[in-house]
């Protein structure tokens, strides 16, 4: 099992930046593909970015491509989401999630993620 704790959310103006961090417990963090999801009020939870177990493969939703960067440090048991050029439509609760996998690829299906953090609020003011 892995426990996930997000940090780094907050209020930022349009065009600003934030870096979210997700700290994971456990000794097998490198066996988990990781993802960042977000959920805005009245909307479904959606994937933002995902990274493979070793960090070599990454995925970005079209809406954040070129602005967000996902990375991980398996030695430190942390996954990061660097968010630049933030827009009001990026406002949401952001969740870190993990799924145990044997393949060296990212996972996009929300239903496959068994472990979730508590979420951190990101608000972008216009």
C-alpha atoms as a PDB file:
ATOM      1  CA  UNK A   1       0.000   0.000   0.000  1.00  0.00           C
ATOM      2  CA  UNK A   2       0.966   3.598  -0.453  1.00  0.00           C
ATOM      3  CA  UNK A   3      -0.339   6.714   1.223  1.00  0.00           C
ATOM      4  CA  UNK A   4      -0.292   9.973  -0.680  1.00  0.00           C
ATOM      5  CA  UNK A   5      -0.236  13.525   0.646  1.00  0.00           C
ATOM      6  CA  UNK A   6      -0.428  16.527  -1.667  1.00  0.00           C
ATOM      7  CA  UNK A   7       0.874  20.006  -0.967  1.00  0.00           C
ATOM      8  CA  UNK A   8       1.546  23.219  -2.827  1.00  0.00           C
ATOM      9  CA  UNK A   9      -1.899  24.415  -3.821  1.00  0.00           C
ATOM     10  CA  UNK A  10      -3.063  27.959  -3.332  1.00  0.00           C
ATOM     11  CA  UNK A  11      -4.311  31.148  -4.929  1.00  0.00           C
ATOM     12  CA  UNK A  12      -2.435  32.581  -7.884  1.00  0.00           C
ATOM     13  CA  UNK A  13      -3.135  35.196 -10.533  1.00  0.00           C
ATOM     14  CA  UNK A  14      -3.588  34.393 -14.194  1.00  0.00           C
ATOM     15  CA  UNK A  15      -0.221  33.656 -15.761  1.00  0.00           C
ATOM     16  CA  UNK A  16       1.331  32.630 -12.476  1.00  0.00           C
ATOM     17  CA  UNK A  17       2.924  29.363 -11.449  1.00  0.00           C
ATOM     18  CA  UNK A  18       2.511  26.767  -8.744  1.00  0.00           C
ATOM     19  CA  UNK A  19       4.293  23.542  -7.979  1.00  0.00           C
ATOM     20  CA  UNK A  20       2.330  20.697  -6.482  1.00  0.00           C
ATOM     21  CA  UNK A  21       4.074  17.930  -4.603  1.00  0.00           C
ATOM     22  CA  UNK A  22       2.800  14.494  -3.691  1.00  0.00           C
ATOM     23  CA  UNK A  23       4.693  12.666  -0.979  1.00  0.00           C
ATOM     24  CA  UNK A  24       4.257   8.916  -0.864  1.00  0.00           C
ATOM     25  CA  UNK A  25       4.800   6.535   2.001  1.00  0.00           C
ATOM     26  CA  UNK A  26       6.019   3.012   1.580  1.00  0.00           C
ATOM     27  CA  UNK A  27       9.091   1.304   0.223  1.00  0.00           C
ATOM     28  CA  UNK A  28       7.778   0.332  -3.209  1.00  0.00           C
ATOM     29  CA  UNK A  29       7.010   3.735  -4.688  1.00  0.00           C
ATOM     30  CA  UNK A  30       8.895   2.847  -7.849  1.00  0.00           C
ATOM     31  CA  UNK A  31       6.336   0.099  -8.536  1.00  0.00           C
ATOM     32  CA  UNK A  32       3.541   2.642  -8.926  1.00  0.00           C
ATOM     33  CA  UNK A  33       2.545   4.575 -11.969  1.00  0.00           C
ATOM     34  CA  UNK A  34       1.430   8.006 -10.796  1.00  0.00           C
ATOM     35  CA  UNK A  35      -1.016  10.580 -12.015  1.00  0.00           C
ATOM     36  CA  UNK A  36      -2.357  14.015 -11.272  1.00  0.00           C
ATOM     37  CA  UNK A  37      -6.077  14.552 -11.669  1.00  0.00           C
ATOM     38  CA  UNK A  38      -8.297  17.553 -11.066  1.00  0.00           C
ATOM     39  CA  UNK A  39     -11.931  18.177 -10.386  1.00  0.00           C
ATOM     40  CA  UNK A  40     -13.638  21.506 -10.810  1.00  0.00           C
ATOM     41  CA  UNK A  41     -17.032  22.260  -9.221  1.00  0.00           C
ATOM     42  CA  UNK A  42     -19.821  20.546 -11.113  1.00  0.00           C
ATOM     43  CA  UNK A  43     -17.430  18.660 -13.354  1.00  0.00           C
ATOM     44  CA  UNK A  44     -16.075  15.145 -13.467  1.00  0.00           C
ATOM     45  CA  UNK A  45     -12.594  14.322 -12.272  1.00  0.00           C
ATOM     46  CA  UNK A  46     -10.179  14.400 -15.196  1.00  0.00           C
ATOM     47  CA  UNK A  47      -6.611  13.394 -15.764  1.00  0.00           C
ATOM     48  CA  UNK A  48      -4.066  16.190 -15.997  1.00  0.00           C
ATOM     49  CA  UNK A  49      -0.788  14.324 -16.297  1.00  0.00           C
ATOM     50  CA  UNK A  50       0.634  10.861 -15.710  1.00  0.00           C
ATOM     51  CA  UNK A  51       4.072   9.349 -15.368  1.00  0.00           C
ATOM     52  CA  UNK A  52       5.390   5.804 -15.614  1.00  0.00           C
ATOM     53  CA  UNK A  53       7.049   3.974 -12.763  1.00  0.00           C
ATOM     54  CA  UNK A  54      10.555   4.988 -13.674  1.00  0.00           C
ATOM     55  CA  UNK A  55       9.614   8.443 -14.922  1.00  0.00           C
ATOM     56  CA  UNK A  56      10.643   7.914 -18.514  1.00  0.00           C
ATOM     57  CA  UNK A  57       7.168   8.129 -20.006  1.00  0.00           C
ATOM     58  CA  UNK A  58       4.806  11.019 -19.395  1.00  0.00           C
ATOM     59  CA  UNK A  59       1.372  12.020 -20.584  1.00  0.00           C
ATOM     60  CA  UNK A  60      -0.382  15.392 -20.567  1.00  0.00           C
ATOM     61  CA  UNK A  61      -3.948  16.352 -21.228  1.00  0.00           C
ATOM     62  CA  UNK A  62      -4.210  18.661 -24.234  1.00  0.00           C
ATOM     63  CA  UNK A  63      -5.450  21.459 -22.022  1.00  0.00           C
ATOM     64  CA  UNK A  64      -2.186  21.581 -20.060  1.00  0.00           C
ATOM     65  CA  UNK A  65       0.358  20.455 -22.622  1.00  0.00           C
ATOM     66  CA  UNK A  66       3.249  22.880 -22.822  1.00  0.00           C
ATOM     67  CA  UNK A  67       2.330  24.505 -19.495  1.00  0.00           C
ATOM     68  CA  UNK A  68       2.498  21.678 -16.938  1.00  0.00           C
ATOM     69  CA  UNK A  69       5.341  19.280 -16.230  1.00  0.00           C
ATOM     70  CA  UNK A  70       5.087  16.077 -14.252  1.00  0.00           C
ATOM     71  CA  UNK A  71       8.161  14.498 -12.721  1.00  0.00           C
ATOM     72  CA  UNK A  72       9.046  12.030 -10.024  1.00  0.00           C
ATOM     73  CA  UNK A  73      11.940  11.245  -7.735  1.00  0.00           C
ATOM     74  CA  UNK A  74      11.750   7.620  -6.665  1.00  0.00           C
ATOM     75  CA  UNK A  75      14.586   8.039  -4.196  1.00  0.00           C
ATOM     76  CA  UNK A  76      12.572  10.720  -2.391  1.00  0.00           C
ATOM     77  CA  UNK A  77       9.158   9.085  -2.930  1.00  0.00           C
ATOM     78  CA  UNK A  78       7.721  12.223  -4.474  1.00  0.00           C
ATOM     79  CA  UNK A  79       5.905  13.195  -7.642  1.00  0.00           C
ATOM     80  CA  UNK A  80       5.722  16.819  -8.715  1.00  0.00           C
ATOM     81  CA  UNK A  81       3.492  18.853 -10.964  1.00  0.00           C
ATOM     82  CA  UNK A  82       4.984  22.139 -12.114  1.00  0.00           C
ATOM     83  CA  UNK A  83       2.200  24.377 -13.381  1.00  0.00           C
ATOM     84  CA  UNK A  84       3.063  27.471 -15.405  1.00  0.00           C
ATOM     85  CA  UNK A  85       0.954  30.034 -17.253  1.00  0.00           C
ATOM     86  CA  UNK A  86      -2.010  29.196 -15.099  1.00  0.00           C
ATOM     87  CA  UNK A  87      -5.446  30.160 -16.327  1.00  0.00           C
ATOM     88  CA  UNK A  88      -8.768  30.543 -14.505  1.00  0.00           C
ATOM     89  CA  UNK A  89      -9.962  27.311 -16.104  1.00  0.00           C
ATOM     90  CA  UNK A  90      -7.204  25.491 -14.222  1.00  0.00           C
ATOM     91  CA  UNK A  91      -9.044  26.201 -10.982  1.00  0.00           C
ATOM     92  CA  UNK A  92      -9.890  22.881  -9.350  1.00  0.00           C
ATOM     93  CA  UNK A  93      -9.016  20.494  -6.589  1.00  0.00           C
ATOM     94  CA  UNK A  94      -5.936  18.598  -7.688  1.00  0.00           C
ATOM     95  CA  UNK A  95      -5.434  14.987  -6.668  1.00  0.00           C
ATOM     96  CA  UNK A  96      -2.389  12.783  -6.745  1.00  0.00           C
ATOM     97  CA  UNK A  97      -3.055   9.117  -7.454  1.00  0.00           C
ATOM     98  CA  UNK A  98      -1.073   5.917  -7.710  1.00  0.00           C
ATOM     99  CA  UNK A  99      -1.582   2.498  -9.207  1.00  0.00           C
ATOM    100  CA  UNK A 100       0.555  -0.589  -8.758  1.00  0.00           C
ATOM    101  CA  UNK A 101       1.694  -1.798 -12.141  1.00  0.00           C
ATOM    102  CA  UNK A 102       4.144  -4.193 -13.695  1.00  0.00           C
ATOM    103  CA  UNK A 103       4.457  -2.326 -16.979  1.00  0.00           C
ATOM    104  CA  UNK A 104       6.738   0.595 -17.683  1.00  0.00           C
ATOM    105  CA  UNK A 105       4.080   2.930 -18.983  1.00  0.00           C
ATOM    106  CA  UNK A 106       1.750   5.591 -17.675  1.00  0.00           C
ATOM    107  CA  UNK A 107      -1.847   4.791 -16.775  1.00  0.00           C
ATOM    108  CA  UNK A 108      -4.668   7.003 -17.988  1.00  0.00           C
ATOM    109  CA  UNK A 109      -7.755   5.201 -16.719  1.00  0.00           C
ATOM    110  CA  UNK A 110      -8.965   6.845 -13.512  1.00  0.00           C
ATOM    111  CA  UNK A 111     -10.606   3.592 -12.440  1.00  0.00           C
ATOM    112  CA  UNK A 112      -7.263   1.839 -12.312  1.00  0.00           C
ATOM    113  CA  UNK A 113      -5.921   4.152  -9.642  1.00  0.00           C
ATOM    114  CA  UNK A 114      -6.415   2.553  -6.245  1.00  0.00           C
ATOM    115  CA  UNK A 115      -4.626   5.107  -4.110  1.00  0.00           C
ATOM    116  CA  UNK A 116      -5.555   8.772  -3.831  1.00  0.00           C
ATOM    117  CA  UNK A 117      -4.436  11.770  -1.882  1.00  0.00           C
ATOM    118  CA  UNK A 118      -6.811  14.115  -0.099  1.00  0.00           C
ATOM    119  CA  UNK A 119      -6.540  16.801  -2.759  1.00  0.00           C
ATOM    120  CA  UNK A 120      -5.215  20.336  -2.781  1.00  0.00           C
ATOM    121  CA  UNK A 121      -7.096  23.409  -3.979  1.00  0.00           C
ATOM    122  CA  UNK A 122      -5.701  25.473  -6.833  1.00  0.00           C
ATOM    123  CA  UNK A 123      -7.459  28.753  -7.538  1.00  0.00           C
ATOM    124  CA  UNK A 124      -6.451  31.012 -10.412  1.00  0.00           C
ATOM    125  CA  UNK A 125      -7.872  34.497 -10.283  1.00  0.00           C
ATOM    126  CA  UNK A 126      -8.554  36.493 -13.429  1.00  0.00           C
END
